[in-house]
Amino acid sequence: MLPMRFVAESIGTKVEWDKATRTATFTKDGIVAKIQIDGNKIVLSNGETIVMDSKPLNINNRILLPITNISRVFNMTNGNTTDGIAQDIEWNAVERTVTINVK
């Protein structure tokens, strides 16, 4: 799991938080994604809904999402560092690190 705000801001995404509804809104390149902390869905401005395999975690006021869900929201590829394929988000299981390749 990765902190959404960190990933979003590292790729130039605007981030907003609505405390009343516990909803995070991410805006980039005309795409708006809304994630409610207590749910398991990401609603996109184009009408698409992404059902996540797990609910977001809220740890120390940071929203954490699995890498696969983050990549789906921002239309990024993901994989691991050992497969020899360059990806936007790469997981290194040996070192337990994530690399985000910003274009």
N, C-alpha and C. Protein backbone atom coordinates (compact mmCIF):
# COMPACT_ATOMS: atom_id res chain seq x y z
N MET A 1 0.84 -1.18 0.00
CA MET A 1 0.00 0.00 0.00
C MET A 1 0.88 1.24 0.00
N LEU A 2 0.40 2.25 -0.70
CA LEU A 2 1.14 3.51 -0.81
C LEU A 2 0.27 4.68 -0.37
N PRO A 3 0.89 5.74 0.15
CA PRO A 3 0.12 6.94 0.52
C PRO A 3 -0.33 7.68 -0.74
N MET A 4 -1.63 7.83 -0.89
CA MET A 4 -2.20 8.45 -2.09
C MET A 4 -1.72 9.87 -2.33
N ARG A 5 -1.70 10.70 -1.30
CA ARG A 5 -1.32 12.10 -1.50
C ARG A 5 0.10 12.18 -2.04
N PHE A 6 1.02 11.41 -1.48
CA PHE A 6 2.41 11.44 -1.92
C PHE A 6 2.51 11.06 -3.39
N VAL A 7 1.86 9.96 -3.77
CA VAL A 7 1.93 9.51 -5.16
C VAL A 7 1.28 10.54 -6.07
N ALA A 8 0.10 11.01 -5.68
CA ALA A 8 -0.63 11.97 -6.51
C ALA A 8 0.17 13.25 -6.74
N GLU A 9 0.70 13.81 -5.67
CA GLU A 9 1.45 15.06 -5.81
C GLU A 9 2.75 14.86 -6.57
N SER A 10 3.34 13.68 -6.48
CA SER A 10 4.60 13.43 -7.20
C SER A 10 4.40 13.38 -8.71
N ILE A 11 3.16 13.15 -9.14
CA ILE A 11 2.88 13.13 -10.58
C ILE A 11 2.04 14.34 -11.01
N GLY A 12 2.00 15.36 -10.16
CA GLY A 12 1.35 16.62 -10.53
C GLY A 12 -0.16 16.64 -10.40
N THR A 13 -0.70 15.88 -9.47
CA THR A 13 -2.14 15.81 -9.27
C THR A 13 -2.57 16.73 -8.14
N LYS A 14 -3.68 17.44 -8.34
CA LYS A 14 -4.26 18.28 -7.30
C LYS A 14 -5.01 17.38 -6.33
N VAL A 15 -4.83 17.61 -5.02
CA VAL A 15 -5.45 16.78 -3.99
C VAL A 15 -6.30 17.66 -3.07
N GLU A 16 -7.53 17.23 -2.82
CA GLU A 16 -8.41 17.93 -1.88
C GLU A 16 -9.01 16.93 -0.91
N TRP A 17 -9.29 17.38 0.31
CA TRP A 17 -9.87 16.52 1.34
C TRP A 17 -11.14 17.16 1.88
N ASP A 18 -12.24 16.41 1.90
CA ASP A 18 -13.50 16.86 2.47
C ASP A 18 -13.70 16.12 3.78
N LYS A 19 -13.44 16.81 4.88
CA LYS A 19 -13.50 16.18 6.20
C LYS A 19 -14.91 15.69 6.52
N ALA A 20 -15.93 16.46 6.13
CA ALA A 20 -17.31 16.11 6.46
C ALA A 20 -17.73 14.77 5.85
N THR A 21 -17.34 14.53 4.59
CA THR A 21 -17.74 13.28 3.92
C THR A 21 -16.63 12.23 3.93
N ARG A 22 -15.47 12.61 4.47
CA ARG A 22 -14.30 11.72 4.50
C ARG A 22 -13.97 11.24 3.08
N THR A 23 -13.94 12.21 2.16
CA THR A 23 -13.69 11.91 0.75
C THR A 23 -12.47 12.67 0.26
N ALA A 24 -11.58 11.96 -0.41
CA ALA A 24 -10.42 12.58 -1.05
C ALA A 24 -10.72 12.72 -2.53
N THR A 25 -10.38 13.89 -3.09
CA THR A 25 -10.59 14.13 -4.51
C THR A 25 -9.25 14.40 -5.16
N PHE A 26 -8.99 13.71 -6.27
CA PHE A 26 -7.73 13.83 -6.99
C PHE A 26 -8.05 14.27 -8.42
N THR A 27 -7.40 15.35 -8.88
CA THR A 27 -7.68 15.90 -10.21
C THR A 27 -6.38 16.01 -11.01
N LYS A 28 -6.40 15.43 -12.22
CA LYS A 28 -5.23 15.49 -13.10
C LYS A 28 -5.68 15.29 -14.54
N ASP A 29 -5.22 16.16 -15.42
CA ASP A 29 -5.49 16.04 -16.86
C ASP A 29 -6.97 15.83 -17.17
N GLY A 30 -7.83 16.57 -16.47
CA GLY A 30 -9.27 16.49 -16.73
C GLY A 30 -9.97 15.30 -16.09
N ILE A 31 -9.24 14.47 -15.40
CA ILE A 31 -9.84 13.31 -14.73
C ILE A 31 -9.97 13.64 -13.25
N VAL A 32 -11.16 13.39 -12.70
CA VAL A 32 -11.39 13.59 -11.28
C VAL A 32 -11.71 12.23 -10.67
N ALA A 33 -11.01 11.88 -9.60
CA ALA A 33 -11.26 10.62 -8.90
C ALA A 33 -11.62 10.93 -7.46
N LYS A 34 -12.72 10.34 -7.00
CA LYS A 34 -13.16 10.55 -5.62
C LYS A 34 -13.11 9.21 -4.88
N ILE A 35 -12.48 9.26 -3.70
CA ILE A 35 -12.34 8.06 -2.89
C ILE A 35 -12.86 8.37 -1.50
N GLN A 36 -13.89 7.63 -1.09
CA GLN A 36 -14.40 7.80 0.27
C GLN A 36 -13.69 6.77 1.15
N ILE A 37 -13.16 7.26 2.26
CA ILE A 37 -12.33 6.42 3.13
C ILE A 37 -13.06 5.17 3.60
N ASP A 38 -14.35 5.27 3.85
CA ASP A 38 -15.08 4.14 4.41
C ASP A 38 -15.62 3.19 3.35
N GLY A 39 -15.33 3.45 2.08
CA GLY A 39 -15.87 2.61 1.01
C GLY A 39 -14.79 1.81 0.32
N ASN A 40 -15.21 1.07 -0.70
CA ASN A 40 -14.24 0.29 -1.47
C ASN A 40 -14.31 0.62 -2.96
N LYS A 41 -14.78 1.86 -3.26
CA LYS A 41 -14.92 2.26 -4.66
C LYS A 41 -14.21 3.57 -4.91
N ILE A 42 -13.73 3.70 -6.15
CA ILE A 42 -13.18 4.96 -6.64
C ILE A 42 -14.10 5.39 -7.77
N VAL A 43 -14.68 6.57 -7.65
CA VAL A 43 -15.59 7.07 -8.66
C VAL A 43 -14.85 8.09 -9.51
N LEU A 44 -14.83 7.86 -10.83
CA LEU A 44 -14.15 8.75 -11.76
C LEU A 44 -15.15 9.68 -12.44
N SER A 45 -14.68 10.84 -12.87
CA SER A 45 -15.55 11.84 -13.49
C SER A 45 -16.15 11.38 -14.81
N ASN A 46 -15.57 10.37 -15.44
CA ASN A 46 -16.12 9.87 -16.71
C ASN A 46 -17.25 8.86 -16.48
N GLY A 47 -17.65 8.68 -15.22
CA GLY A 47 -18.73 7.77 -14.89
C GLY A 47 -18.27 6.38 -14.50
N GLU A 48 -17.01 6.08 -14.72
CA GLU A 48 -16.48 4.76 -14.38
C GLU A 48 -16.33 4.64 -12.87
N THR A 49 -16.58 3.45 -12.36
CA THR A 49 -16.36 3.15 -10.95
C THR A 49 -15.37 2.01 -10.86
N ILE A 50 -14.33 2.20 -10.08
CA ILE A 50 -13.34 1.16 -9.85
C ILE A 50 -13.63 0.55 -8.49
N VAL A 51 -13.90 -0.75 -8.47
CA VAL A 51 -14.11 -1.44 -7.21
C VAL A 51 -12.76 -1.97 -6.75
N MET A 52 -12.35 -1.52 -5.57
CA MET A 52 -11.04 -1.91 -5.05
C MET A 52 -11.12 -3.27 -4.38
N ASP A 53 -10.01 -3.98 -4.39
CA ASP A 53 -9.97 -5.29 -3.75
C ASP A 53 -9.90 -5.17 -2.23
N SER A 54 -9.63 -3.98 -1.72
CA SER A 54 -9.64 -3.74 -0.27
C SER A 54 -9.96 -2.27 -0.02
N LYS A 55 -10.47 -1.99 1.16
CA LYS A 55 -10.77 -0.60 1.51
C LYS A 55 -9.48 0.17 1.71
N PRO A 56 -9.53 1.48 1.49
CA PRO A 56 -8.36 2.30 1.80
C PRO A 56 -8.08 2.23 3.29
N LEU A 57 -6.83 2.34 3.64
CA LEU A 57 -6.46 2.43 5.05
C LEU A 57 -6.22 3.89 5.39
N ASN A 58 -6.58 4.28 6.59
CA ASN A 58 -6.31 5.62 7.08
C ASN A 58 -5.39 5.47 8.28
N ILE A 59 -4.10 5.69 8.05
CA ILE A 59 -3.11 5.55 9.11
C ILE A 59 -2.43 6.90 9.31
N ASN A 60 -2.54 7.43 10.52
CA ASN A 60 -1.97 8.74 10.84
C ASN A 60 -2.43 9.81 9.85
N ASN A 61 -3.73 9.78 9.53
CA ASN A 61 -4.34 10.75 8.60
C ASN A 61 -3.76 10.68 7.19
N ARG A 62 -3.29 9.52 6.80
CA ARG A 62 -2.81 9.30 5.44
C ARG A 62 -3.64 8.17 4.83
N ILE A 63 -4.08 8.40 3.60
CA ILE A 63 -4.86 7.39 2.89
C ILE A 63 -3.89 6.48 2.15
N LEU A 64 -3.97 5.20 2.44
CA LEU A 64 -3.11 4.22 1.78
C LEU A 64 -3.95 3.33 0.88
N LEU A 65 -3.46 3.14 -0.34
CA LEU A 65 -4.14 2.27 -1.31
C LEU A 65 -3.14 1.28 -1.90
N PRO A 66 -3.64 0.11 -2.33
CA PRO A 66 -2.76 -0.82 -3.04
C PRO A 66 -2.23 -0.19 -4.33
N ILE A 67 -1.04 -0.58 -4.72
CA ILE A 67 -0.41 -0.06 -5.94
C ILE A 67 -1.32 -0.24 -7.15
N THR A 68 -1.97 -1.37 -7.27
CA THR A 68 -2.80 -1.62 -8.45
C THR A 68 -3.93 -0.61 -8.57
N ASN A 69 -4.53 -0.22 -7.46
CA ASN A 69 -5.63 0.76 -7.51
C ASN A 69 -5.12 2.15 -7.85
N ILE A 70 -3.97 2.51 -7.31
CA ILE A 70 -3.38 3.81 -7.64
C ILE A 70 -3.08 3.88 -9.13
N SER A 71 -2.51 2.82 -9.68
CA SER A 71 -2.17 2.83 -11.10
C SER A 71 -3.41 2.90 -11.98
N ARG A 72 -4.50 2.28 -11.55
CA ARG A 72 -5.74 2.33 -12.34
C ARG A 72 -6.32 3.74 -12.35
N VAL A 73 -6.28 4.43 -11.22
CA VAL A 73 -6.82 5.79 -11.14
C VAL A 73 -6.06 6.72 -12.08
N PHE A 74 -4.74 6.64 -12.06
CA PHE A 74 -3.91 7.57 -12.82
C PHE A 74 -3.45 7.01 -14.16
N ASN A 75 -4.04 5.89 -14.58
CA ASN A 75 -3.72 5.27 -15.87
C ASN A 75 -2.22 5.02 -16.01
N MET A 76 -1.67 4.40 -14.97
CA MET A 76 -0.24 4.09 -14.94
C MET A 76 -0.07 2.57 -14.99
N THR A 77 1.06 2.13 -15.52
CA THR A 77 1.37 0.71 -15.50
C THR A 77 2.04 0.38 -14.17
N ASN A 78 1.93 -0.89 -13.77
CA ASN A 78 2.60 -1.30 -12.54
C ASN A 78 3.10 -2.72 -12.69
N GLY A 79 4.14 -3.01 -11.96
CA GLY A 79 4.73 -4.34 -12.01
C GLY A 79 5.85 -4.44 -11.00
N ASN A 80 6.71 -5.41 -11.19
CA ASN A 80 7.83 -5.55 -10.25
C ASN A 80 9.15 -5.33 -10.99
N THR A 81 10.17 -5.07 -10.22
CA THR A 81 11.47 -4.72 -10.81
C THR A 81 12.19 -5.91 -11.42
N THR A 82 11.72 -7.11 -11.13
CA THR A 82 12.44 -8.30 -11.61
C THR A 82 11.93 -8.82 -12.95
N ASP A 83 10.83 -8.24 -13.47
CA ASP A 83 10.28 -8.79 -14.71
C ASP A 83 10.94 -8.24 -15.97
N GLY A 84 11.83 -7.25 -15.82
CA GLY A 84 12.55 -6.71 -16.96
C GLY A 84 11.74 -5.76 -17.82
N ILE A 85 10.54 -5.43 -17.38
CA ILE A 85 9.68 -4.51 -18.13
C ILE A 85 9.58 -3.20 -17.35
N ALA A 86 9.92 -2.10 -18.00
CA ALA A 86 9.84 -0.79 -17.34
C ALA A 86 8.37 -0.43 -17.11
N GLN A 87 8.03 -0.09 -15.89
CA GLN A 87 6.67 0.26 -15.52
C GLN A 87 6.66 1.64 -14.87
N ASP A 88 5.47 2.26 -14.81
CA ASP A 88 5.35 3.55 -14.14
C ASP A 88 5.56 3.41 -12.63
N ILE A 89 4.98 2.35 -12.05
CA ILE A 89 5.15 2.07 -10.62
C ILE A 89 5.72 0.66 -10.52
N GLU A 90 6.87 0.55 -9.84
CA GLU A 90 7.54 -0.76 -9.74
C GLU A 90 7.78 -1.13 -8.28
N TRP A 91 7.49 -2.38 -7.97
CA TRP A 91 7.67 -2.92 -6.63
C TRP A 91 8.90 -3.83 -6.63
N ASN A 92 9.79 -3.61 -5.64
CA ASN A 92 10.95 -4.47 -5.46
C ASN A 92 10.71 -5.26 -4.17
N ALA A 93 10.33 -6.53 -4.32
CA ALA A 93 9.97 -7.36 -3.18
C ALA A 93 11.16 -7.65 -2.28
N VAL A 94 12.35 -7.74 -2.85
CA VAL A 94 13.54 -8.05 -2.05
C VAL A 94 13.88 -6.88 -1.13
N GLU A 95 13.92 -5.68 -1.69
CA GLU A 95 14.26 -4.50 -0.90
C GLU A 95 13.05 -3.86 -0.24
N ARG A 96 11.85 -4.32 -0.62
CA ARG A 96 10.59 -3.78 -0.10
C ARG A 96 10.50 -2.28 -0.36
N THR A 97 10.76 -1.90 -1.63
CA THR A 97 10.71 -0.50 -2.03
C THR A 97 9.82 -0.35 -3.26
N VAL A 98 9.32 0.85 -3.43
CA VAL A 98 8.51 1.19 -4.59
C VAL A 98 9.21 2.32 -5.33
N THR A 99 9.26 2.20 -6.66
CA THR A 99 9.81 3.26 -7.50
C THR A 99 8.69 3.80 -8.37
N ILE A 100 8.54 5.12 -8.38
CA ILE A 100 7.55 5.77 -9.23
C ILE A 100 8.33 6.51 -10.32
N ASN A 101 8.14 6.08 -11.55
CA ASN A 101 8.83 6.69 -12.69
C ASN A 101 7.93 7.77 -13.28
N VAL A 102 8.27 9.01 -13.03
CA VAL A 102 7.47 10.14 -13.49
C VAL A 102 7.86 10.49 -14.91
N LYS A 103 6.86 10.65 -15.77
CA LYS A 103 7.11 10.96 -17.18
C LYS A 103 7.14 12.44 -17.39
